[in-house]
Amino acid sequence: MIAVFLAMGFEEIEALAVVDILRRAELDVVTIGVGGRTVRGSHGIVVAADIEDTQASLEGLEAVVLPGGMSGTLNLEHSEVVQKFLDVAIKKELPICAICAAPSILGHRGLLAGRKAVCFPGYEDELTDAEITNSSVVVDGPFITARGAGVAIEFALRIVAEIASKERAEKIKASMQCVS
C-alpha cells in the first residue's frame, strides 16, 4: 500500500496528480486524511480521503507520499501518524516521496544529509546538509523529491518507475499524451 497523506492546506495538484497516476499504474494507493477524512486543499478544493489517519494501518506499507503546500506541509510534519509512517518506511528502506515544501519534513529529521534532493525554491535551507540539485525530480536512495506543482506528473511517473517499472511509467506517460 502506498500511503498518500492529505493534510489541511495540501497542494491539490501535487496530491491528486500523484494519486491519479499511481492508480493508472494499478498500484495500491490509499489517501489518508490527517485530522479527518474530509480535507481542504490550499486552493479551497475539498477532498474526501479514503480513510482518516486514525484508521491508518502500517500493514503492507510500500511507500509514503507527502504532497506540499505550506500549511499542508506543517500539518503533515506535526502529525504523529505521519511521523510513525516515516519511521517504519525508514526502517524498512521503503520509498519516501516528497514534493514542494514537503521535503523540509525529511530535512528537519536529517534524512537528506549527504543526499541529493530538491524542493520548492526558498526551502533549500530546510533540507539540512542535503546536496541541492537543479533537477525537477531527484531520486537518491529511498528518497524521491521534487520541486512543486509544475512537475507533479513527472514526480508521479518517477514514483511509478521506481516502485513498479520504467516501462509501466513510459506506457502511462504515452497514454496521457505527455511530451518531453
Protein backbone atom coordinates (compact mmCIF):
# COMPACT_ATOMS: atom_id res chain seq x y z
CA MET A 1 0.00 0.00 0.00
CA ILE A 2 1.26 3.44 -0.95
CA ALA A 3 0.15 5.95 1.69
CA VAL A 4 -0.59 9.42 0.31
CA PHE A 5 -1.17 11.83 3.19
CA LEU A 6 -3.55 14.77 2.79
CA ALA A 7 -3.40 17.47 5.46
CA MET A 8 -5.34 20.73 5.63
CA GLY A 9 -3.70 23.13 3.17
CA PHE A 10 -2.16 20.45 0.90
CA GLU A 11 -1.29 21.41 -2.68
CA GLU A 12 -4.05 19.75 -4.70
CA ILE A 13 -2.13 19.13 -7.93
CA GLU A 14 0.78 17.56 -6.08
CA ALA A 15 -1.50 15.12 -4.30
CA LEU A 16 -4.19 14.33 -6.84
CA ALA A 17 -1.96 14.04 -9.92
CA VAL A 18 0.16 11.56 -7.99
CA VAL A 19 -2.84 9.54 -6.81
CA ASP A 20 -4.31 9.50 -10.33
CA ILE A 21 -1.09 8.32 -11.98
CA LEU A 22 -0.30 5.71 -9.32
CA ARG A 23 -3.79 4.31 -9.74
CA ARG A 24 -3.40 4.29 -13.54
CA ALA A 25 -0.31 2.17 -12.85
CA GLU A 26 -2.60 -0.19 -10.91
CA LEU A 27 -0.69 0.37 -7.68
CA ASP A 28 -2.40 0.04 -4.31
CA VAL A 29 -2.87 3.66 -3.17
CA VAL A 30 -4.65 4.84 -0.05
CA THR A 31 -5.25 8.52 0.63
CA ILE A 32 -5.11 9.29 4.34
CA GLY A 33 -6.72 12.43 5.71
CA VAL A 34 -4.77 13.96 8.57
CA GLY A 35 -7.26 15.06 11.21
CA GLY A 36 -10.28 13.71 9.37
CA ARG A 37 -11.50 12.16 6.16
CA THR A 38 -12.52 15.46 4.54
CA VAL A 39 -9.56 17.73 3.81
CA ARG A 40 -9.45 21.21 2.24
CA GLY A 41 -6.52 21.91 -0.06
CA SER A 42 -4.56 25.13 -0.36
CA HIS A 43 -6.85 26.37 -3.16
CA GLY A 44 -10.10 25.54 -1.41
CA ILE A 45 -10.74 22.21 -3.11
CA VAL A 46 -12.30 19.79 -0.64
CA VAL A 47 -11.25 16.17 -1.00
CA ALA A 48 -12.62 13.07 0.70
CA ALA A 49 -9.68 10.88 1.63
CA ASP A 50 -10.09 7.11 1.50
CA ILE A 51 -9.59 6.93 5.27
CA GLU A 52 -8.69 9.23 8.13
CA ASP A 53 -5.42 8.98 9.98
CA THR A 54 -6.97 7.26 12.99
CA GLN A 55 -7.85 4.34 10.67
CA ALA A 56 -4.43 4.12 9.02
CA SER A 57 -2.62 0.80 9.23
CA LEU A 58 1.07 0.20 8.62
CA GLU A 59 0.32 -3.29 7.34
CA GLY A 60 1.52 -3.76 3.79
CA LEU A 61 3.15 -0.33 3.60
CA GLU A 62 5.16 0.01 0.35
CA ALA A 63 5.83 3.77 0.20
CA VAL A 64 4.90 7.14 1.69
CA VAL A 65 3.97 10.21 -0.37
CA LEU A 66 3.98 13.71 1.14
CA PRO A 67 2.41 16.46 -1.00
CA GLY A 68 3.46 20.05 -0.36
CA GLY A 69 1.57 23.23 0.23
CA MET A 70 2.86 25.38 3.06
CA SER A 71 0.21 24.82 5.71
CA GLY A 72 -0.27 21.27 4.46
CA THR A 73 3.42 20.57 4.99
CA LEU A 74 3.35 21.97 8.51
CA ASN A 75 0.27 19.90 9.31
CA LEU A 76 1.94 16.76 7.95
CA GLU A 77 5.07 17.41 9.97
CA HIS A 78 3.08 17.82 13.20
CA SER A 79 1.11 14.60 12.65
CA GLU A 80 2.14 11.71 14.90
CA VAL A 81 0.65 9.28 12.36
CA VAL A 82 2.74 10.69 9.50
CA GLN A 83 5.85 10.53 11.67
CA LYS A 84 5.10 6.91 12.59
CA PHE A 85 4.70 6.00 8.90
CA LEU A 86 8.00 7.73 8.13
CA ASP A 87 9.71 5.80 10.95
CA VAL A 88 8.53 2.48 9.51
CA ALA A 89 9.42 3.46 5.93
CA ILE A 90 12.91 4.47 7.04
CA LYS A 91 13.42 1.26 9.00
CA LYS A 92 12.28 -0.87 6.05
CA GLU A 93 14.06 1.33 3.46
CA LEU A 94 10.80 1.95 1.59
CA PRO A 95 10.42 4.84 -0.85
CA ILE A 96 9.61 8.18 0.75
CA CYS A 97 8.36 10.70 -1.80
CA ALA A 98 8.05 14.43 -1.02
CA ILE A 99 7.31 17.38 -3.26
CA CYS A 100 7.40 21.19 -2.97
CA ALA A 101 7.79 22.23 0.70
CA ALA A 102 7.32 18.65 1.99
CA PRO A 103 11.00 17.64 1.58
CA SER A 104 11.58 20.02 4.51
CA ILE A 105 9.95 17.38 6.74
CA LEU A 106 12.70 14.96 5.73
CA GLY A 107 15.34 17.66 6.06
CA HIS A 108 14.29 18.53 9.61
CA ARG A 109 14.80 14.88 10.55
CA GLY A 110 18.27 14.85 8.97
CA LEU A 111 17.22 12.17 6.48
CA LEU A 112 18.57 14.02 3.45
CA ALA A 113 22.03 14.70 4.88
CA GLY A 114 24.62 13.80 2.25
CA ARG A 115 21.93 13.01 -0.32
CA LYS A 116 20.85 14.79 -3.47
CA ALA A 117 17.46 16.44 -3.15
CA VAL A 118 15.28 19.25 -4.44
CA CYS A 119 12.39 21.31 -3.10
CA PHE A 120 10.36 24.42 -3.84
CA PRO A 121 12.74 27.39 -4.22
CA GLY A 122 13.28 29.09 -0.89
CA TYR A 123 13.13 25.90 1.21
CA GLU A 124 16.67 24.75 0.46
CA ASP A 125 17.92 25.70 3.94
CA GLU A 126 15.34 23.33 5.43
CA LEU A 127 16.97 20.33 3.71
CA THR A 128 19.69 20.03 6.34
CA ASP A 129 23.03 19.02 4.81
CA ALA A 130 21.45 17.84 1.55
CA GLU A 131 23.11 18.37 -1.81
CA ILE A 132 20.56 20.59 -3.56
CA THR A 133 20.26 20.00 -7.30
CA ASN A 134 18.69 21.94 -10.16
CA SER A 135 16.66 18.94 -11.31
CA SER A 136 12.88 18.91 -11.20
CA VAL A 137 12.75 15.43 -9.63
CA VAL A 138 15.58 13.69 -7.77
CA VAL A 139 15.97 10.10 -6.60
CA ASP A 140 18.66 9.32 -4.04
CA GLY A 141 18.35 6.04 -2.21
CA PRO A 142 14.80 5.62 -0.93
CA PHE A 143 14.02 9.34 -1.27
CA ILE A 144 12.22 10.88 -4.23
CA THR A 145 11.95 14.67 -4.02
CA ALA A 146 10.51 17.21 -6.44
CA ARG A 147 10.23 20.99 -6.93
CA GLY A 148 6.50 21.69 -6.97
CA ALA A 149 3.12 21.57 -8.67
CA GLY A 150 4.51 22.12 -12.16
CA VAL A 151 6.39 18.83 -12.02
CA ALA A 152 3.72 16.76 -10.26
CA ILE A 153 3.18 14.49 -13.27
CA GLU A 154 6.92 13.94 -13.70
CA PHE A 155 7.17 13.24 -9.96
CA ALA A 156 4.34 10.70 -10.12
CA LEU A 157 5.79 8.97 -13.17
CA ARG A 158 9.14 8.70 -11.40
CA ILE A 159 7.43 7.10 -8.41
CA VAL A 160 5.83 4.56 -10.78
CA ALA A 161 9.20 3.89 -12.42
CA GLU A 162 10.86 3.28 -9.04
CA ILE A 163 8.08 1.19 -7.47
CA ALA A 164 6.74 -0.69 -10.50
CA SER A 165 8.90 -0.28 -13.60
CA LYS A 166 10.22 2.25 -16.09
CA GLU A 167 8.20 0.51 -18.79
CA ARG A 168 4.94 0.99 -16.90
CA ALA A 169 5.77 4.65 -16.30
CA GLU A 170 6.55 5.16 -20.00
CA LYS A 171 3.30 3.46 -21.03
CA ILE A 172 1.28 5.77 -18.76
CA LYS A 173 3.22 8.81 -19.94
CA ALA A 174 2.43 7.97 -23.57
CA SER A 175 -1.23 7.24 -22.86
CA MET A 176 -1.60 10.63 -21.16
CA GLN A 177 0.00 12.42 -24.14
CA CYS A 178 2.86 13.76 -22.03
CA VAL A 179 5.64 15.22 -24.14
CA SER A 180 9.38 15.52 -23.48
